């Protein structure tokens, strides 16, 4: 897909313990819906430990569980601006399409590395849910 970044929803994978990410905006922290919705607290494990995500998407609703704790719920229909989130905070300019118009079906992408650091995955399971 051309221009996949503004046409996708990213659940952030990051090392919140690293200085670069600890100082980044909260919507860039692990488990965030990148640029849009921050987790209320850090649930990522320290480097060298496995983290476990459960991401559930039904229609325009997204729920994120990180390491057995529910941390984010989003209803994409509320994101009607490409410049500001519903709470008035700014959206990064490269995410220039509002989420309420995003398709609810499509490809799933996985990061190969983040900020030059490799990321590994194991035991990936995808289950189709009936809406």
N, C-alpha and C. Protein backbone atom coordinates (compact mmCIF):
# COMPACT_ATOMS: atom_id res chain seq x y z
N UNK A 1 0.84 -1.18 0.00
CA UNK A 1 0.00 0.00 0.00
C UNK A 1 0.88 1.23 0.00
N UNK A 2 0.57 2.16 -0.85
CA UNK A 2 1.28 3.43 -0.88
C UNK A 2 0.85 4.27 0.32
N UNK A 3 1.80 4.99 0.90
CA UNK A 3 1.51 5.84 2.06
C UNK A 3 0.86 5.06 3.19
N UNK A 4 1.47 3.95 3.57
CA UNK A 4 0.86 3.10 4.59
C UNK A 4 0.85 3.72 5.97
N UNK A 5 1.78 4.59 6.30
CA UNK A 5 1.83 5.14 7.66
C UNK A 5 0.57 5.95 8.00
N UNK A 6 0.16 6.93 7.19
CA UNK A 6 -1.06 7.65 7.58
C UNK A 6 -2.33 6.84 7.40
N UNK A 7 -2.23 5.68 6.76
CA UNK A 7 -3.39 4.84 6.51
C UNK A 7 -3.46 3.64 7.44
N UNK A 8 -2.76 3.70 8.56
CA UNK A 8 -2.74 2.55 9.47
C UNK A 8 -2.86 3.02 10.92
N UNK A 9 -3.14 2.05 11.78
CA UNK A 9 -3.20 2.28 13.22
C UNK A 9 -2.04 1.50 13.82
N UNK A 10 -1.21 2.17 14.60
CA UNK A 10 -0.02 1.52 15.17
C UNK A 10 -0.16 1.38 16.67
N UNK A 11 -0.02 0.15 17.15
CA UNK A 11 0.11 -0.09 18.58
C UNK A 11 1.61 -0.09 18.85
N UNK A 12 2.07 0.86 19.63
CA UNK A 12 3.49 1.10 19.79
C UNK A 12 4.20 -0.01 20.55
N UNK A 13 5.36 -0.38 20.03
CA UNK A 13 6.29 -1.26 20.72
C UNK A 13 7.52 -0.42 21.01
N UNK A 14 7.84 -0.24 22.28
CA UNK A 14 9.00 0.59 22.64
C UNK A 14 9.52 0.17 24.00
N UNK A 15 10.77 0.51 24.26
CA UNK A 15 11.41 0.27 25.55
C UNK A 15 11.23 1.54 26.37
N UNK A 16 10.18 1.59 27.17
CA UNK A 16 9.90 2.79 27.96
C UNK A 16 10.96 3.08 29.01
N UNK A 17 11.87 2.13 29.26
CA UNK A 17 12.95 2.35 30.22
C UNK A 17 14.13 3.09 29.59
N UNK A 18 14.24 3.04 28.27
CA UNK A 18 15.33 3.75 27.60
C UNK A 18 15.05 5.25 27.69
N UNK A 19 16.08 6.03 27.93
CA UNK A 19 15.93 7.47 28.13
C UNK A 19 15.17 8.13 26.97
N UNK A 20 15.50 7.73 25.74
CA UNK A 20 14.87 8.33 24.57
C UNK A 20 13.35 8.17 24.63
N UNK A 21 12.88 6.99 25.01
CA UNK A 21 11.44 6.73 25.01
C UNK A 21 10.78 7.20 26.30
N UNK A 22 11.52 7.17 27.41
CA UNK A 22 10.96 7.67 28.67
C UNK A 22 10.62 9.15 28.56
N UNK A 23 11.42 9.87 27.78
CA UNK A 23 11.21 11.32 27.61
C UNK A 23 10.28 11.65 26.44
N UNK A 24 9.90 10.66 25.66
CA UNK A 24 9.03 10.88 24.50
C UNK A 24 7.60 11.18 24.98
N UNK A 25 6.79 11.75 24.10
CA UNK A 25 5.39 11.96 24.47
C UNK A 25 4.74 10.65 24.91
N UNK A 26 3.81 10.72 25.83
CA UNK A 26 3.15 9.52 26.37
C UNK A 26 2.47 8.70 25.27
N UNK A 27 2.03 9.35 24.20
CA UNK A 27 1.38 8.61 23.10
C UNK A 27 2.40 7.87 22.24
N UNK A 28 3.68 7.93 22.62
CA UNK A 28 4.72 7.18 21.93
C UNK A 28 5.21 6.01 22.79
N UNK A 29 4.62 5.82 23.97
CA UNK A 29 5.05 4.76 24.89
C UNK A 29 4.47 3.41 24.50
N UNK A 30 5.07 2.37 25.02
CA UNK A 30 4.66 1.01 24.69
C UNK A 30 3.19 0.77 25.04
N UNK A 31 2.47 0.25 24.07
CA UNK A 31 1.05 -0.03 24.24
C UNK A 31 0.15 1.10 23.80
N UNK A 32 0.72 2.27 23.54
CA UNK A 32 -0.08 3.41 23.07
C UNK A 32 -0.61 3.14 21.67
N UNK A 33 -1.70 3.77 21.35
CA UNK A 33 -2.10 3.85 19.95
C UNK A 33 -1.35 5.07 19.46
N UNK A 34 -0.26 4.82 18.75
CA UNK A 34 0.79 5.81 18.49
C UNK A 34 0.22 7.14 18.01
N UNK A 35 0.63 8.20 18.72
CA UNK A 35 0.26 9.56 18.36
C UNK A 35 -1.16 9.94 18.74
N UNK A 36 -1.92 8.99 19.28
CA UNK A 36 -3.33 9.25 19.54
C UNK A 36 -3.78 9.03 20.98
N UNK A 37 -3.38 7.92 21.57
CA UNK A 37 -3.93 7.56 22.88
C UNK A 37 -2.86 6.87 23.70
N UNK A 38 -2.53 7.46 24.84
CA UNK A 38 -1.46 6.95 25.70
C UNK A 38 -1.99 5.94 26.72
N UNK A 39 -1.15 4.98 27.10
CA UNK A 39 -1.53 4.11 28.21
C UNK A 39 -1.46 4.93 29.51
N UNK A 40 -2.27 4.57 30.51
CA UNK A 40 -2.25 5.34 31.77
C UNK A 40 -0.98 5.14 32.59
N UNK A 41 -0.28 4.01 32.36
CA UNK A 41 0.96 3.76 33.08
C UNK A 41 1.82 2.80 32.24
N UNK A 42 3.09 2.73 32.60
CA UNK A 42 4.01 1.84 31.90
C UNK A 42 3.79 0.41 32.37
N UNK A 43 3.54 -0.46 31.41
CA UNK A 43 3.36 -1.88 31.72
C UNK A 43 4.41 -2.75 31.03
N UNK A 44 5.30 -2.12 30.27
CA UNK A 44 6.31 -2.87 29.53
C UNK A 44 7.34 -3.45 30.52
N UNK A 45 7.79 -4.67 30.22
CA UNK A 45 8.81 -5.30 31.05
C UNK A 45 10.18 -4.74 30.67
N UNK A 46 11.13 -4.96 31.54
CA UNK A 46 12.49 -4.46 31.29
C UNK A 46 13.13 -5.21 30.12
N UNK A 47 14.12 -4.58 29.47
CA UNK A 47 14.78 -5.23 28.34
C UNK A 47 15.27 -6.63 28.70
N UNK A 48 15.10 -7.53 27.74
CA UNK A 48 15.51 -8.91 27.93
C UNK A 48 14.37 -9.81 28.39
N UNK A 49 13.25 -9.24 28.77
CA UNK A 49 12.08 -10.02 29.17
C UNK A 49 11.04 -9.95 28.05
N UNK A 50 10.26 -11.00 27.91
CA UNK A 50 9.20 -11.04 26.90
C UNK A 50 7.99 -10.26 27.40
N UNK A 51 7.39 -9.50 26.51
CA UNK A 51 6.13 -8.82 26.77
C UNK A 51 5.03 -9.55 26.03
N UNK A 52 3.81 -9.44 26.52
CA UNK A 52 2.69 -10.10 25.87
C UNK A 52 1.58 -9.08 25.61
N UNK A 53 1.24 -8.96 24.34
CA UNK A 53 0.14 -8.10 23.91
C UNK A 53 -1.06 -8.95 23.55
N UNK A 54 -2.23 -8.45 23.87
CA UNK A 54 -3.48 -8.93 23.29
C UNK A 54 -4.16 -7.68 22.76
N UNK A 55 -4.34 -7.65 21.45
CA UNK A 55 -4.97 -6.50 20.79
C UNK A 55 -6.26 -7.01 20.16
N UNK A 56 -7.35 -6.39 20.55
CA UNK A 56 -8.65 -6.78 20.04
C UNK A 56 -9.23 -5.63 19.24
N UNK A 57 -9.62 -5.92 18.01
CA UNK A 57 -10.23 -4.93 17.13
C UNK A 57 -11.57 -5.47 16.64
N UNK A 58 -12.63 -4.75 16.97
CA UNK A 58 -13.97 -5.09 16.49
C UNK A 58 -14.58 -3.81 15.96
N UNK A 59 -14.87 -3.80 14.66
CA UNK A 59 -15.34 -2.60 13.98
C UNK A 59 -14.36 -1.46 14.27
N UNK A 60 -14.81 -0.36 14.85
CA UNK A 60 -13.92 0.77 15.10
C UNK A 60 -13.41 0.82 16.53
N UNK A 61 -13.59 -0.25 17.25
CA UNK A 61 -13.13 -0.29 18.64
C UNK A 61 -11.86 -1.13 18.76
N UNK A 62 -10.89 -0.59 19.48
CA UNK A 62 -9.60 -1.25 19.70
C UNK A 62 -9.34 -1.30 21.19
N UNK A 63 -8.95 -2.47 21.68
CA UNK A 63 -8.54 -2.63 23.08
C UNK A 63 -7.15 -3.23 23.09
N UNK A 64 -6.31 -2.72 23.98
CA UNK A 64 -4.93 -3.19 24.12
C UNK A 64 -4.70 -3.66 25.54
N UNK A 65 -4.22 -4.90 25.65
CA UNK A 65 -3.82 -5.48 26.93
C UNK A 65 -2.32 -5.75 26.81
N UNK A 66 -1.56 -5.25 27.77
CA UNK A 66 -0.11 -5.46 27.78
C UNK A 66 0.25 -6.11 29.10
N UNK A 67 0.86 -7.29 29.01
CA UNK A 67 1.29 -8.03 30.20
C UNK A 67 0.15 -8.19 31.21
N UNK A 68 -0.98 -8.66 30.68
CA UNK A 68 -2.18 -9.01 31.45
C UNK A 68 -2.93 -7.82 32.05
N UNK A 69 -2.60 -6.60 31.65
CA UNK A 69 -3.34 -5.44 32.14
C UNK A 69 -3.92 -4.65 30.97
N UNK A 70 -5.23 -4.41 31.04
CA UNK A 70 -5.89 -3.61 30.00
C UNK A 70 -5.41 -2.17 30.14
N UNK A 71 -4.84 -1.62 29.07
CA UNK A 71 -4.26 -0.28 29.19
C UNK A 71 -4.87 0.75 28.26
N UNK A 72 -5.48 0.34 27.15
CA UNK A 72 -6.00 1.32 26.21
C UNK A 72 -7.29 0.79 25.57
N UNK A 73 -8.27 1.68 25.49
CA UNK A 73 -9.49 1.43 24.70
C UNK A 73 -9.70 2.62 23.80
N UNK A 74 -9.99 2.36 22.55
CA UNK A 74 -10.23 3.44 21.60
C UNK A 74 -11.46 3.14 20.76
N UNK A 75 -12.26 4.15 20.55
CA UNK A 75 -13.33 4.09 19.57
C UNK A 75 -12.90 5.04 18.45
N UNK A 76 -12.43 4.48 17.35
CA UNK A 76 -11.88 5.28 16.25
C UNK A 76 -12.87 6.30 15.71
N UNK A 77 -14.16 6.06 15.86
CA UNK A 77 -15.17 6.99 15.33
C UNK A 77 -15.08 8.36 16.00
N UNK A 78 -14.45 8.45 17.17
CA UNK A 78 -14.31 9.73 17.88
C UNK A 78 -13.13 10.56 17.36
N UNK A 79 -12.25 9.96 16.59
CA UNK A 79 -11.06 10.64 16.06
C UNK A 79 -11.40 11.22 14.69
N UNK A 80 -12.04 12.39 14.68
CA UNK A 80 -12.55 12.99 13.45
C UNK A 80 -11.64 14.09 12.88
N UNK A 81 -10.51 14.32 13.50
CA UNK A 81 -9.55 15.33 13.03
C UNK A 81 -8.23 14.66 12.74
N UNK A 82 -7.51 15.19 11.75
CA UNK A 82 -6.17 14.70 11.45
C UNK A 82 -5.11 15.53 12.18
N UNK A 83 -5.52 16.55 12.91
CA UNK A 83 -4.57 17.43 13.58
C UNK A 83 -4.60 17.33 15.09
N UNK A 84 -5.78 17.05 15.64
CA UNK A 84 -5.89 16.96 17.09
C UNK A 84 -6.70 15.74 17.50
N UNK A 85 -6.33 15.18 18.65
CA UNK A 85 -7.06 14.08 19.25
C UNK A 85 -8.31 14.64 19.91
N UNK A 86 -9.29 13.81 20.26
CA UNK A 86 -10.50 14.32 20.92
C UNK A 86 -10.23 15.13 22.19
N UNK A 87 -9.11 14.85 22.88
CA UNK A 87 -8.78 15.62 24.08
C UNK A 87 -8.09 16.95 23.78
N UNK A 88 -7.88 17.26 22.48
CA UNK A 88 -7.25 18.51 22.08
C UNK A 88 -5.75 18.43 21.86
N UNK A 89 -5.12 17.32 22.24
CA UNK A 89 -3.67 17.18 22.05
C UNK A 89 -3.36 17.00 20.56
N UNK A 90 -2.14 17.35 20.19
CA UNK A 90 -1.72 17.30 18.78
C UNK A 90 -1.41 15.89 18.33
N UNK A 91 -1.71 15.64 17.07
CA UNK A 91 -1.37 14.38 16.40
C UNK A 91 -0.11 14.64 15.58
N UNK A 92 0.87 13.72 15.56
CA UNK A 92 2.05 13.94 14.72
C UNK A 92 1.63 14.21 13.27
N UNK A 93 2.26 15.18 12.61
CA UNK A 93 1.81 15.61 11.28
C UNK A 93 1.87 14.53 10.20
N UNK A 94 2.72 13.50 10.38
CA UNK A 94 2.79 12.45 9.36
C UNK A 94 1.60 11.50 9.45
N UNK A 95 0.82 11.58 10.54
CA UNK A 95 -0.41 10.79 10.66
C UNK A 95 -1.56 11.69 10.22
N UNK A 96 -1.58 12.01 8.93
CA UNK A 96 -2.44 13.08 8.43
C UNK A 96 -3.82 12.65 7.94
N UNK A 97 -4.31 11.51 8.41
CA UNK A 97 -5.67 11.09 8.09
C UNK A 97 -6.37 10.74 9.40
N UNK A 98 -7.59 11.23 9.55
CA UNK A 98 -8.27 10.96 10.82
C UNK A 98 -8.79 9.53 10.87
N UNK A 99 -8.72 8.96 12.06
CA UNK A 99 -9.00 7.53 12.25
C UNK A 99 -10.44 7.14 11.98
N UNK A 100 -11.37 8.08 12.11
CA UNK A 100 -12.78 7.71 11.92
C UNK A 100 -13.07 7.25 10.49
N UNK A 101 -12.19 7.60 9.56
CA UNK A 101 -12.37 7.20 8.16
C UNK A 101 -11.50 6.01 7.75
N UNK A 102 -10.70 5.50 8.69
CA UNK A 102 -9.84 4.36 8.37
C UNK A 102 -10.67 3.11 8.14
N UNK A 103 -10.21 2.25 7.22
CA UNK A 103 -10.91 0.97 7.05
C UNK A 103 -10.71 0.11 8.30
N UNK A 104 -11.63 -0.79 8.54
CA UNK A 104 -11.53 -1.67 9.70
C UNK A 104 -11.07 -3.07 9.31
N UNK A 105 -10.68 -3.23 8.08
CA UNK A 105 -10.10 -4.49 7.61
C UNK A 105 -8.87 -4.16 6.78
N UNK A 106 -7.91 -5.08 6.79
CA UNK A 106 -6.70 -4.85 6.00
C UNK A 106 -5.56 -5.69 6.49
N UNK A 107 -4.38 -5.25 6.19
CA UNK A 107 -3.17 -5.99 6.54
C UNK A 107 -2.75 -5.72 7.97
N UNK A 108 -1.98 -6.65 8.49
CA UNK A 108 -1.36 -6.50 9.81
C UNK A 108 0.14 -6.43 9.60
N UNK A 109 0.76 -5.41 10.12
CA UNK A 109 2.21 -5.27 9.99
C UNK A 109 2.87 -5.41 11.36
N UNK A 110 4.10 -5.94 11.36
CA UNK A 110 4.87 -6.08 12.59
C UNK A 110 6.21 -5.39 12.41
N UNK A 111 6.64 -4.64 13.43
CA UNK A 111 7.92 -3.95 13.36
C UNK A 111 9.07 -4.94 13.35
N UNK A 112 10.08 -4.69 12.54
CA UNK A 112 11.28 -5.51 12.55
C UNK A 112 12.30 -4.98 13.53
N UNK A 113 12.31 -3.68 13.70
CA UNK A 113 13.16 -3.05 14.71
C UNK A 113 12.57 -1.70 15.04
N UNK A 114 12.97 -1.17 16.16
CA UNK A 114 12.47 0.12 16.60
C UNK A 114 13.65 0.96 17.02
N UNK A 115 13.83 2.09 16.36
CA UNK A 115 14.95 3.00 16.64
C UNK A 115 16.28 2.27 16.55
N UNK A 116 16.40 1.36 15.57
CA UNK A 116 17.65 0.65 15.34
C UNK A 116 17.83 -0.60 16.19
N UNK A 117 16.90 -0.87 17.09
CA UNK A 117 17.00 -2.04 17.95
C UNK A 117 16.07 -3.13 17.43
N UNK A 118 16.58 -4.35 17.27
CA UNK A 118 15.72 -5.42 16.75
C UNK A 118 14.58 -5.78 17.71
N UNK A 119 13.50 -6.24 17.14
CA UNK A 119 12.33 -6.70 17.89
C UNK A 119 12.07 -8.14 17.46
N UNK A 120 11.78 -9.01 18.42
CA UNK A 120 11.46 -10.41 18.11
C UNK A 120 10.03 -10.69 18.50
N UNK A 121 9.43 -11.61 17.78
CA UNK A 121 8.06 -12.04 18.06
C UNK A 121 8.05 -13.55 18.22
N UNK A 122 7.14 -14.04 19.03
CA UNK A 122 6.93 -15.48 19.15
C UNK A 122 5.46 -15.72 19.51
N UNK A 123 4.99 -16.89 19.16
CA UNK A 123 3.63 -17.31 19.51
C UNK A 123 2.56 -16.31 19.05
N UNK A 124 2.68 -15.84 17.83
CA UNK A 124 1.68 -14.92 17.29
C UNK A 124 0.45 -15.72 16.91
N UNK A 125 -0.69 -15.24 17.37
CA UNK A 125 -1.97 -15.88 17.04
C UNK A 125 -2.93 -14.80 16.57
N UNK A 126 -3.61 -15.08 15.49
CA UNK A 126 -4.61 -14.14 14.96
C UNK A 126 -5.92 -14.90 14.90
N UNK A 127 -6.94 -14.31 15.49
CA UNK A 127 -8.25 -14.95 15.52
C UNK A 127 -9.28 -13.97 14.97
N UNK A 128 -10.04 -14.42 13.99
CA UNK A 128 -11.09 -13.58 13.44
C UNK A 128 -12.28 -13.62 14.40
N UNK A 129 -12.79 -12.43 14.74
CA UNK A 129 -13.92 -12.31 15.64
C UNK A 129 -15.17 -11.92 14.86
N UNK A 130 -16.30 -12.39 15.29
CA UNK A 130 -17.56 -11.96 14.70
C UNK A 130 -17.99 -10.67 15.40
N UNK A 131 -18.24 -9.64 14.61
CA UNK A 131 -18.59 -8.33 15.17
C UNK A 131 -19.93 -8.34 15.87
